[in-house]
Amino acid sequence: MHLSGVSRQAYQTGLACHRREGKVVMSTLTQAIRNHNQSLAKTLQAHARGVGGGESQTERDAFVAFLKGDLLPHARGEERHLYATVDKLVREHEKPTATMMVDHESSTTTSRRLS
């Protein structure tokens, strides 16, 4: 299992290893998740700039592949593993992850529409 591109061991220990300039660097799980989210956001922005009605079929296919192969599995992993924990911690404040789930539903709808 991977949560936000982080291994099960990293998730369980709260630490993640990654390589930076050829060296193995330890970081907290939250930093690894932030880094992965930033990477997804940059890729999404790049695809979004190229989609607007005049894109080629290749560009459209690449965007759909990113949505289905990266963004949506990431969203499902967050919903399955992260949101339940967050919801338990902040239950008294209703459901703070609701807006994030709407975002995931929108990504799913968009990938289906573009396919």
Foldseek 3Di string as FASTA:
>chain_A
DDALNADPVCVVVQWGWDDDPRDIDIDGPVVSNVVSVVVLVVVLVVLVVQDDPPHDLVSLVVNLCCLVVPVLVNLVSCVVPPQVVVCVVPVVVPRPCVVVVVVSVVSVVVSVVSD
